Amino acid sequence: MNPNAVNPNPYTIEPIGFIRTPFVDKFGIPRQPSLAPHAIGTLKLVAPFNHADCVRGLDGFSHLWLSFIFHETLGRWSPTVRPPRLGGNEKVGVFASRSPFRPNSLGLSLVRLLDIDTQNGVTLRFSGVDLVDQTPIVDIKPYIPFIESQSEAKGGFVSGAPPTLNVEFSPTAHSQLAQLPATDSSALHALICEVLAQDPRPAYASDPYRSYGIRLYQYEIQWRCDGQTALVLSMEPR
């Protein structure tokens, strides 16, 4: 057998669960994990992976790698992409990016582990998620700092954290937040600030009067941006 021959047998990957997150749509999802610490994800493992033995010892790790499927772009890929960090104008190779338009639609996300519940199957909670709701998760691996944190690593065209926007709330939005229970109001306020601070608008956006909508949990968040400040106009239940 030729050792360089391509394996003719296709591989199959079975989801171990489907994560629930605040992000109903792709628009508004932070472009990297951990940028929105109040973005909470809940993963209930499915059989036969939902046995407590599968996560034995996992509680000793603070952060985990989630391997997942870009299910909304499945089967669509391009050899070059236009990263938002480069203004959406310059192209780089797909393997020099984290674009969802990949040959095998596989993604990798680093999240903080908050809780493991093994009372009724296995349910995991994470913070800092950057995944659309119901994303298929195919694997979990612990993050090991002394191996995976490389102080001398280069970031290519991603030379550091992007600038962030100030976030303000209109009187209408403040009033709508105040009608929620205190804990819900506080968590939603923090999540909105974290998401909008990353400026999720398309790279070519420049109209300060255009309003945008982001769906978080069961709320439709209307907002606009003058280039320096994101103003939350309203938040309505869907």
C-alpha atoms as a PDB file:
ATOM      1  CA  MET A   1       0.000   0.000   0.000  1.00  0.00           C
ATOM      2  CA  ASN A   2       1.267   3.454  -0.862  1.00  0.00           C
ATOM      3  CA  PRO A   3       1.818   5.273   2.482  1.00  0.00           C
ATOM      4  CA  ASN A   4       1.056   8.596   0.765  1.00  0.00           C
ATOM      5  CA  ALA A   5      -2.258   7.450  -0.663  1.00  0.00           C
ATOM      6  CA  VAL A   6      -5.368   9.264   0.499  1.00  0.00           C
ATOM      7  CA  ASN A   7      -7.647   7.148   2.666  1.00  0.00           C
ATOM      8  CA  PRO A   8     -10.669   6.406   0.438  1.00  0.00           C
ATOM      9  CA  ASN A   9     -12.920   5.727   3.430  1.00  0.00           C
ATOM     10  CA  PRO A  10     -14.789   8.802   4.718  1.00  0.00           C
ATOM     11  CA  TYR A  11     -14.621   9.624   8.391  1.00  0.00           C
ATOM     12  CA  THR A  12     -17.715  10.209  10.455  1.00  0.00           C
ATOM     13  CA  ILE A  13     -17.964  12.386  13.544  1.00  0.00           C
ATOM     14  CA  GLU A  14     -20.767  11.969  16.034  1.00  0.00           C
ATOM     15  CA  PRO A  15     -21.831  14.915  18.212  1.00  0.00           C
ATOM     16  CA  ILE A  16     -21.540  14.340  21.941  1.00  0.00           C
ATOM     17  CA  GLY A  17     -24.133  17.058  22.553  1.00  0.00           C
ATOM     18  CA  PHE A  18     -25.557  20.361  21.345  1.00  0.00           C
ATOM     19  CA  ILE A  19     -24.628  23.486  23.270  1.00  0.00           C
ATOM     20  CA  ARG A  20     -27.229  26.055  24.314  1.00  0.00           C
ATOM     21  CA  THR A  21     -26.005  29.658  24.191  1.00  0.00           C
ATOM     22  CA  PRO A  22     -27.472  33.186  24.201  1.00  0.00           C
ATOM     23  CA  PHE A  23     -26.651  33.641  20.503  1.00  0.00           C
ATOM     24  CA  VAL A  24     -29.692  32.843  18.391  1.00  0.00           C
ATOM     25  CA  ASP A  25     -27.982  34.137  15.227  1.00  0.00           C
ATOM     26  CA  LYS A  26     -24.386  34.356  14.025  1.00  0.00           C
ATOM     27  CA  PHE A  27     -24.571  38.157  13.967  1.00  0.00           C
ATOM     28  CA  GLY A  28     -23.296  39.500  17.264  1.00  0.00           C
ATOM     29  CA  ILE A  29     -21.298  36.457  18.345  1.00  0.00           C
ATOM     30  CA  PRO A  30     -17.868  37.543  19.641  1.00  0.00           C
ATOM     31  CA  ARG A  31     -15.250  36.758  17.024  1.00  0.00           C
ATOM     32  CA  GLN A  32     -13.135  34.913  19.587  1.00  0.00           C
ATOM     33  CA  PRO A  33     -13.936  33.062  22.833  1.00  0.00           C
ATOM     34  CA  SER A  34     -13.629  34.728  26.259  1.00  0.00           C
ATOM     35  CA  LEU A  35     -14.377  38.240  24.941  1.00  0.00           C
ATOM     36  CA  ALA A  36     -17.838  38.065  26.531  1.00  0.00           C
ATOM     37  CA  PRO A  37     -17.429  36.365  29.934  1.00  0.00           C
ATOM     38  CA  HIS A  38     -21.176  36.645  30.613  1.00  0.00           C
ATOM     39  CA  ALA A  39     -21.966  34.527  27.538  1.00  0.00           C
ATOM     40  CA  ILE A  40     -22.934  31.272  29.252  1.00  0.00           C
ATOM     41  CA  GLY A  41     -23.156  27.959  27.438  1.00  0.00           C
ATOM     42  CA  THR A  42     -24.819  24.787  28.673  1.00  0.00           C
ATOM     43  CA  LEU A  43     -23.951  21.409  27.191  1.00  0.00           C
ATOM     44  CA  LYS A  44     -25.975  18.305  28.028  1.00  0.00           C
ATOM     45  CA  LEU A  45     -24.135  15.239  26.791  1.00  0.00           C
ATOM     46  CA  VAL A  46     -26.110  12.647  24.848  1.00  0.00           C
ATOM     47  CA  ALA A  47     -25.940   8.858  25.192  1.00  0.00           C
ATOM     48  CA  PRO A  48     -23.644   6.990  25.306  1.00  0.00           C
ATOM     49  CA  PHE A  49     -21.376   9.909  26.290  1.00  0.00           C
ATOM     50  CA  ASN A  50     -23.571  11.081  29.181  1.00  0.00           C
ATOM     51  CA  HIS A  51     -22.074   8.777  31.816  1.00  0.00           C
ATOM     52  CA  ALA A  52     -20.386  10.397  34.808  1.00  0.00           C
ATOM     53  CA  ASP A  53     -17.264   8.348  34.116  1.00  0.00           C
ATOM     54  CA  CYS A  54     -16.735  10.326  30.889  1.00  0.00           C
ATOM     55  CA  VAL A  55     -16.037  13.516  32.859  1.00  0.00           C
ATOM     56  CA  ARG A  56     -14.274  12.006  35.858  1.00  0.00           C
ATOM     57  CA  GLY A  57     -11.390  14.348  36.795  1.00  0.00           C
ATOM     58  CA  LEU A  58     -12.553  17.132  34.488  1.00  0.00           C
ATOM     59  CA  ASP A  59     -13.413  19.351  37.462  1.00  0.00           C
ATOM     60  CA  GLY A  60      -9.696  19.764  38.115  1.00  0.00           C
ATOM     61  CA  PHE A  61      -9.349  21.961  35.024  1.00  0.00           C
ATOM     62  CA  SER A  62     -10.487  25.576  34.797  1.00  0.00           C
ATOM     63  CA  HIS A  63     -10.572  25.823  30.988  1.00  0.00           C
ATOM     64  CA  LEU A  64     -11.530  23.414  28.231  1.00  0.00           C
ATOM     65  CA  TRP A  65     -11.204  23.132  24.471  1.00  0.00           C
ATOM     66  CA  LEU A  66     -14.492  22.510  22.682  1.00  0.00           C
ATOM     67  CA  SER A  67     -14.288  20.936  19.238  1.00  0.00           C
ATOM     68  CA  PHE A  68     -17.410  21.744  17.262  1.00  0.00           C
ATOM     69  CA  ILE A  69     -19.037  21.780  13.843  1.00  0.00           C
ATOM     70  CA  PHE A  70     -19.732  25.015  11.950  1.00  0.00           C
ATOM     71  CA  HIS A  71     -23.114  23.514  11.101  1.00  0.00           C
ATOM     72  CA  GLU A  72     -24.559  26.651   9.516  1.00  0.00           C
ATOM     73  CA  THR A  73     -21.790  26.720   6.883  1.00  0.00           C
ATOM     74  CA  LEU A  74     -21.454  22.967   6.452  1.00  0.00           C
ATOM     75  CA  GLY A  75     -20.065  21.998   3.054  1.00  0.00           C
ATOM     76  CA  ARG A  76     -19.174  25.566   2.083  1.00  0.00           C
ATOM     77  CA  TRP A  77     -15.528  26.554   2.010  1.00  0.00           C
ATOM     78  CA  SER A  78     -13.150  28.860   0.185  1.00  0.00           C
ATOM     79  CA  PRO A  79      -9.349  28.732  -0.224  1.00  0.00           C
ATOM     80  CA  THR A  80      -9.158  32.406   0.761  1.00  0.00           C
ATOM     81  CA  VAL A  81     -11.205  34.503   3.184  1.00  0.00           C
ATOM     82  CA  ARG A  82     -11.434  38.156   4.260  1.00  0.00           C
ATOM     83  CA  PRO A  83     -10.853  38.389   8.035  1.00  0.00           C
ATOM     84  CA  PRO A  84     -12.785  41.182   9.814  1.00  0.00           C
ATOM     85  CA  ARG A  85      -9.542  42.108  11.619  1.00  0.00           C
ATOM     86  CA  LEU A  86      -8.120  43.196   8.241  1.00  0.00           C
ATOM     87  CA  GLY A  87     -11.137  45.376   7.490  1.00  0.00           C
ATOM     88  CA  GLY A  88     -12.870  42.789   5.328  1.00  0.00           C
ATOM     89  CA  ASN A  89     -10.807  43.826   2.301  1.00  0.00           C
ATOM     90  CA  GLU A  90      -7.563  41.833   2.431  1.00  0.00           C
ATOM     91  CA  LYS A  91      -7.525  38.118   1.707  1.00  0.00           C
ATOM     92  CA  VAL A  92      -5.607  35.411   3.531  1.00  0.00           C
ATOM     93  CA  GLY A  93      -5.612  31.641   3.141  1.00  0.00           C
ATOM     94  CA  VAL A  94      -8.384  29.811   4.942  1.00  0.00           C
ATOM     95  CA  PHE A  95      -5.782  27.937   7.023  1.00  0.00           C
ATOM     96  CA  ALA A  96      -4.343  31.276   8.183  1.00  0.00           C
ATOM     97  CA  SER A  97      -7.745  32.238   9.577  1.00  0.00           C
ATOM     98  CA  ARG A  98     -10.463  31.079  11.921  1.00  0.00           C
ATOM     99  CA  SER A  99     -13.158  31.484   9.284  1.00  0.00           C
ATOM    100  CA  PRO A 100     -16.160  29.132   9.545  1.00  0.00           C
ATOM    101  CA  PHE A 101     -15.884  28.443   5.799  1.00  0.00           C
ATOM    102  CA  ARG A 102     -13.476  25.516   6.191  1.00  0.00           C
ATOM    103  CA  PRO A 103     -13.018  22.272   4.252  1.00  0.00           C
ATOM    104  CA  ASN A 104     -14.242  20.099   7.125  1.00  0.00           C
ATOM    105  CA  SER A 105     -16.305  22.709   9.003  1.00  0.00           C
ATOM    106  CA  LEU A 106     -14.446  22.023  12.260  1.00  0.00           C
ATOM    107  CA  GLY A 107     -13.966  24.680  14.916  1.00  0.00           C
ATOM    108  CA  LEU A 108     -12.103  24.960  18.218  1.00  0.00           C
ATOM    109  CA  SER A 109     -13.066  27.190  21.131  1.00  0.00           C
ATOM    110  CA  LEU A 110     -11.451  27.767  24.536  1.00  0.00           C
ATOM    111  CA  VAL A 111     -13.984  28.258  27.348  1.00  0.00           C
ATOM    112  CA  ARG A 112     -13.988  28.463  31.147  1.00  0.00           C
ATOM    113  CA  LEU A 113     -15.597  25.548  32.957  1.00  0.00           C
ATOM    114  CA  LEU A 114     -18.144  26.741  35.527  1.00  0.00           C
ATOM    115  CA  ASP A 115     -19.933  23.607  36.653  1.00  0.00           C
ATOM    116  CA  ILE A 116     -20.379  19.878  36.081  1.00  0.00           C
ATOM    117  CA  ASP A 117     -23.716  18.295  37.000  1.00  0.00           C
ATOM    118  CA  THR A 118     -23.878  14.486  36.944  1.00  0.00           C
ATOM    119  CA  GLN A 119     -27.177  14.061  38.788  1.00  0.00           C
ATOM    120  CA  ASN A 120     -29.170  13.298  35.648  1.00  0.00           C
ATOM    121  CA  GLY A 121     -26.751  12.408  32.901  1.00  0.00           C
ATOM    122  CA  VAL A 122     -23.963  14.959  32.384  1.00  0.00           C
ATOM    123  CA  THR A 123     -24.487  18.708  31.993  1.00  0.00           C
ATOM    124  CA  LEU A 124     -21.585  21.152  31.683  1.00  0.00           C
ATOM    125  CA  ARG A 125     -21.706  24.939  32.000  1.00  0.00           C
ATOM    126  CA  PHE A 126     -19.141  27.270  30.463  1.00  0.00           C
ATOM    127  CA  SER A 127     -18.510  31.003  30.290  1.00  0.00           C
ATOM    128  CA  GLY A 128     -17.021  33.035  27.469  1.00  0.00           C
ATOM    129  CA  VAL A 129     -18.678  31.002  24.713  1.00  0.00           C
ATOM    130  CA  ASP A 130     -18.574  32.212  21.114  1.00  0.00           C
ATOM    131  CA  LEU A 131     -20.904  29.640  19.550  1.00  0.00           C
ATOM    132  CA  VAL A 132     -24.339  29.953  18.004  1.00  0.00           C
ATOM    133  CA  ASP A 133     -27.160  28.223  19.876  1.00  0.00           C
ATOM    134  CA  GLN A 134     -27.475  24.462  19.194  1.00  0.00           C
ATOM    135  CA  THR A 135     -23.947  24.109  17.797  1.00  0.00           C
ATOM    136  CA  PRO A 136     -22.934  20.411  17.659  1.00  0.00           C
ATOM    137  CA  ILE A 137     -20.036  19.678  20.021  1.00  0.00           C
ATOM    138  CA  VAL A 138     -17.873  16.736  18.948  1.00  0.00           C
ATOM    139  CA  ASP A 139     -15.156  16.647  21.605  1.00  0.00           C
ATOM    140  CA  ILE A 140     -13.929  18.163  24.873  1.00  0.00           C
ATOM    141  CA  LYS A 141     -10.292  18.371  25.922  1.00  0.00           C
ATOM    142  CA  PRO A 142      -8.724  19.990  28.994  1.00  0.00           C
ATOM    143  CA  TYR A 143      -6.572  23.086  28.505  1.00  0.00           C
ATOM    144  CA  ILE A 144      -3.090  22.535  29.962  1.00  0.00           C
ATOM    145  CA  PRO A 145      -1.410  25.903  30.673  1.00  0.00           C
ATOM    146  CA  PHE A 146       2.256  24.903  30.835  1.00  0.00           C
ATOM    147  CA  ILE A 147       2.050  23.318  27.370  1.00  0.00           C
ATOM    148  CA  GLU A 148      -0.467  25.489  25.565  1.00  0.00           C
ATOM    149  CA  SER A 149       0.353  28.967  26.883  1.00  0.00           C
ATOM    150  CA  GLN A 150       3.329  30.077  24.798  1.00  0.00           C
ATOM    151  CA  SER A 151       4.604  33.540  25.759  1.00  0.00           C
ATOM    152  CA  GLU A 152       6.804  33.801  22.653  1.00  0.00           C
ATOM    153  CA  ALA A 153       4.067  32.853  20.187  1.00  0.00           C
ATOM    154  CA  LYS A 154       3.370  35.202  17.258  1.00  0.00           C
ATOM    155  CA  GLY A 155      -0.167  36.194  16.326  1.00  0.00           C
ATOM    156  CA  GLY A 156       0.275  36.976  12.636  1.00  0.00           C
ATOM    157  CA  PHE A 157      -2.127  39.678  11.487  1.00  0.00           C
ATOM    158  CA  VAL A 158      -3.923  39.416  14.861  1.00  0.00           C
ATOM    159  CA  SER A 159      -1.505  41.660  16.717  1.00  0.00           C
ATOM    160  CA  GLY A 160      -3.505  42.165  19.895  1.00  0.00           C
ATOM    161  CA  ALA A 161      -6.953  42.843  21.235  1.00  0.00           C
ATOM    162  CA  PRO A 162      -9.045  45.046  18.914  1.00  0.00           C
ATOM    163  CA  PRO A 163     -10.258  48.469  20.087  1.00  0.00           C
ATOM    164  CA  THR A 164     -13.605  48.370  21.839  1.00  0.00           C
ATOM    165  CA  LEU A 165     -16.643  50.616  21.783  1.00  0.00           C
ATOM    166  CA  ASN A 166     -18.228  52.425  24.686  1.00  0.00           C
ATOM    167  CA  VAL A 167     -21.723  51.102  25.324  1.00  0.00           C
ATOM    168  CA  GLU A 168     -24.608  53.285  26.491  1.00  0.00           C
ATOM    169  CA  PHE A 169     -28.300  52.577  27.041  1.00  0.00           C
ATOM    170  CA  SER A 170     -31.145  54.839  25.977  1.00  0.00           C
ATOM    171  CA  PRO A 171     -33.848  55.721  28.534  1.00  0.00           C
ATOM    172  CA  THR A 172     -36.148  53.243  26.790  1.00  0.00           C
ATOM    173  CA  ALA A 173     -33.620  50.425  27.086  1.00  0.00           C
ATOM    174  CA  HIS A 174     -32.908  51.274  30.732  1.00  0.00           C
ATOM    175  CA  SER A 175     -36.626  51.157  31.475  1.00  0.00           C
ATOM    176  CA  GLN A 176     -37.010  47.798  29.752  1.00  0.00           C
ATOM    177  CA  LEU A 177     -34.062  46.353  31.689  1.00  0.00           C
ATOM    178  CA  ALA A 178     -35.517  47.621  34.956  1.00  0.00           C
ATOM    179  CA  GLN A 179     -38.658  45.536  34.373  1.00  0.00           C
ATOM    180  CA  LEU A 180     -36.660  42.295  34.542  1.00  0.00           C
ATOM    181  CA  PRO A 181     -35.760  40.482  37.777  1.00  0.00           C
ATOM    182  CA  ALA A 182     -32.597  41.983  39.260  1.00  0.00           C
ATOM    183  CA  THR A 183     -30.347  38.993  38.534  1.00  0.00           C
ATOM    184  CA  ASP A 184     -31.590  38.671  34.938  1.00  0.00           C
ATOM    185  CA  SER A 185     -31.264  42.411  34.380  1.00  0.00           C
ATOM    186  CA  SER A 186     -27.693  42.518  35.662  1.00  0.00           C
ATOM    187  CA  ALA A 187     -26.536  39.513  33.633  1.00  0.00           C
ATOM    188  CA  LEU A 188     -28.223  40.698  30.428  1.00  0.00           C
ATOM    189  CA  HIS A 189     -26.842  44.228  30.848  1.00  0.00           C
ATOM    190  CA  ALA A 190     -23.311  42.823  31.208  1.00  0.00           C
ATOM    191  CA  LEU A 191     -23.710  40.506  28.217  1.00  0.00           C
ATOM    192  CA  ILE A 192     -25.036  43.270  25.973  1.00  0.00           C
ATOM    193  CA  CYS A 193     -22.115  45.520  26.943  1.00  0.00           C
ATOM    194  CA  GLU A 194     -19.563  42.780  26.265  1.00  0.00           C
ATOM    195  CA  VAL A 195     -21.061  41.873  22.898  1.00  0.00           C
ATOM    196  CA  LEU A 196     -21.532  45.387  21.567  1.00  0.00           C
ATOM    197  CA  ALA A 197     -18.143  46.573  22.836  1.00  0.00           C
ATOM    198  CA  GLN A 198     -16.589  44.226  20.243  1.00  0.00           C
ATOM    199  CA  ASP A 199     -18.372  46.156  17.436  1.00  0.00           C
ATOM    200  CA  PRO A 200     -20.069  43.261  15.620  1.00  0.00           C
ATOM    201  CA  ARG A 201     -20.982  45.437  12.627  1.00  0.00           C
ATOM    202  CA  PRO A 202     -19.681  44.402   9.189  1.00  0.00           C
ATOM    203  CA  ALA A 203     -16.218  45.801   8.469  1.00  0.00           C
ATOM    204  CA  TYR A 204     -17.603  48.092   5.770  1.00  0.00           C
ATOM    205  CA  ALA A 205     -20.274  49.651   8.036  1.00  0.00           C
ATOM    206  CA  SER A 206     -19.988  53.436   8.365  1.00  0.00           C
ATOM    207  CA  ASP A 207     -23.521  54.869   8.594  1.00  0.00           C
ATOM    208  CA  PRO A 208     -23.917  56.268  12.162  1.00  0.00           C
ATOM    209  CA  TYR A 209     -27.712  56.410  11.795  1.00  0.00           C
ATOM    210  CA  ARG A 210     -28.248  52.834  10.745  1.00  0.00           C
ATOM    211  CA  SER A 211     -29.696  50.598  13.450  1.00  0.00           C
ATOM    212  CA  TYR A 212     -28.879  46.927  13.898  1.00  0.00           C
ATOM    213  CA  GLY A 213     -30.607  44.043  15.626  1.00  0.00           C
ATOM    214  CA  ILE A 214     -28.994  41.333  17.703  1.00  0.00           C
ATOM    215  CA  ARG A 215     -30.908  38.469  19.266  1.00  0.00           C
ATOM    216  CA  LEU A 216     -29.706  37.416  22.706  1.00  0.00           C
ATOM    217  CA  TYR A 217     -31.701  34.754  24.502  1.00  0.00           C
ATOM    218  CA  GLN A 218     -35.336  35.732  23.938  1.00  0.00           C
ATOM    219  CA  TYR A 219     -34.634  39.430  23.332  1.00  0.00           C
ATOM    220  CA  GLU A 220     -34.235  41.487  20.180  1.00  0.00           C
ATOM    221  CA  ILE A 221     -31.641  44.172  20.921  1.00  0.00           C
ATOM    222  CA  GLN A 222     -31.815  47.253  18.684  1.00  0.00           C
ATOM    223  CA  TRP A 223     -28.721  49.466  18.635  1.00  0.00           C
ATOM    224  CA  ARG A 224     -26.679  51.846  16.541  1.00  0.00           C
ATOM    225  CA  CYS A 225     -23.108  53.095  16.555  1.00  0.00           C
ATOM    226  CA  ASP A 226     -21.541  56.490  15.876  1.00  0.00           C
ATOM    227  CA  GLY A 227     -18.079  54.976  15.479  1.00  0.00           C
ATOM    228  CA  GLN A 228     -17.038  55.369  19.114  1.00  0.00           C
ATOM    229  CA  THR A 229     -20.141  54.474  21.113  1.00  0.00           C
ATOM    230  CA  ALA A 230     -22.750  51.739  20.720  1.00  0.00           C
ATOM    231  CA  LEU A 231     -26.143  53.017  21.859  1.00  0.00           C
ATOM    232  CA  VAL A 232     -28.719  50.426  22.888  1.00  0.00           C
ATOM    233  CA  LEU A 233     -32.049  51.752  21.642  1.00  0.00           C
ATOM    234  CA  SER A 234     -34.432  49.083  22.884  1.00  0.00           C
ATOM    235  CA  MET A 235     -34.748  45.441  23.864  1.00  0.00           C
ATOM    236  CA  GLU A 236     -37.988  43.633  23.108  1.00  0.00           C
ATOM    237  CA  PRO A 237     -39.005  40.045  23.895  1.00  0.00           C
ATOM    238  CA  ARG A 238     -39.151  37.983  20.716  1.00  0.00           C
END
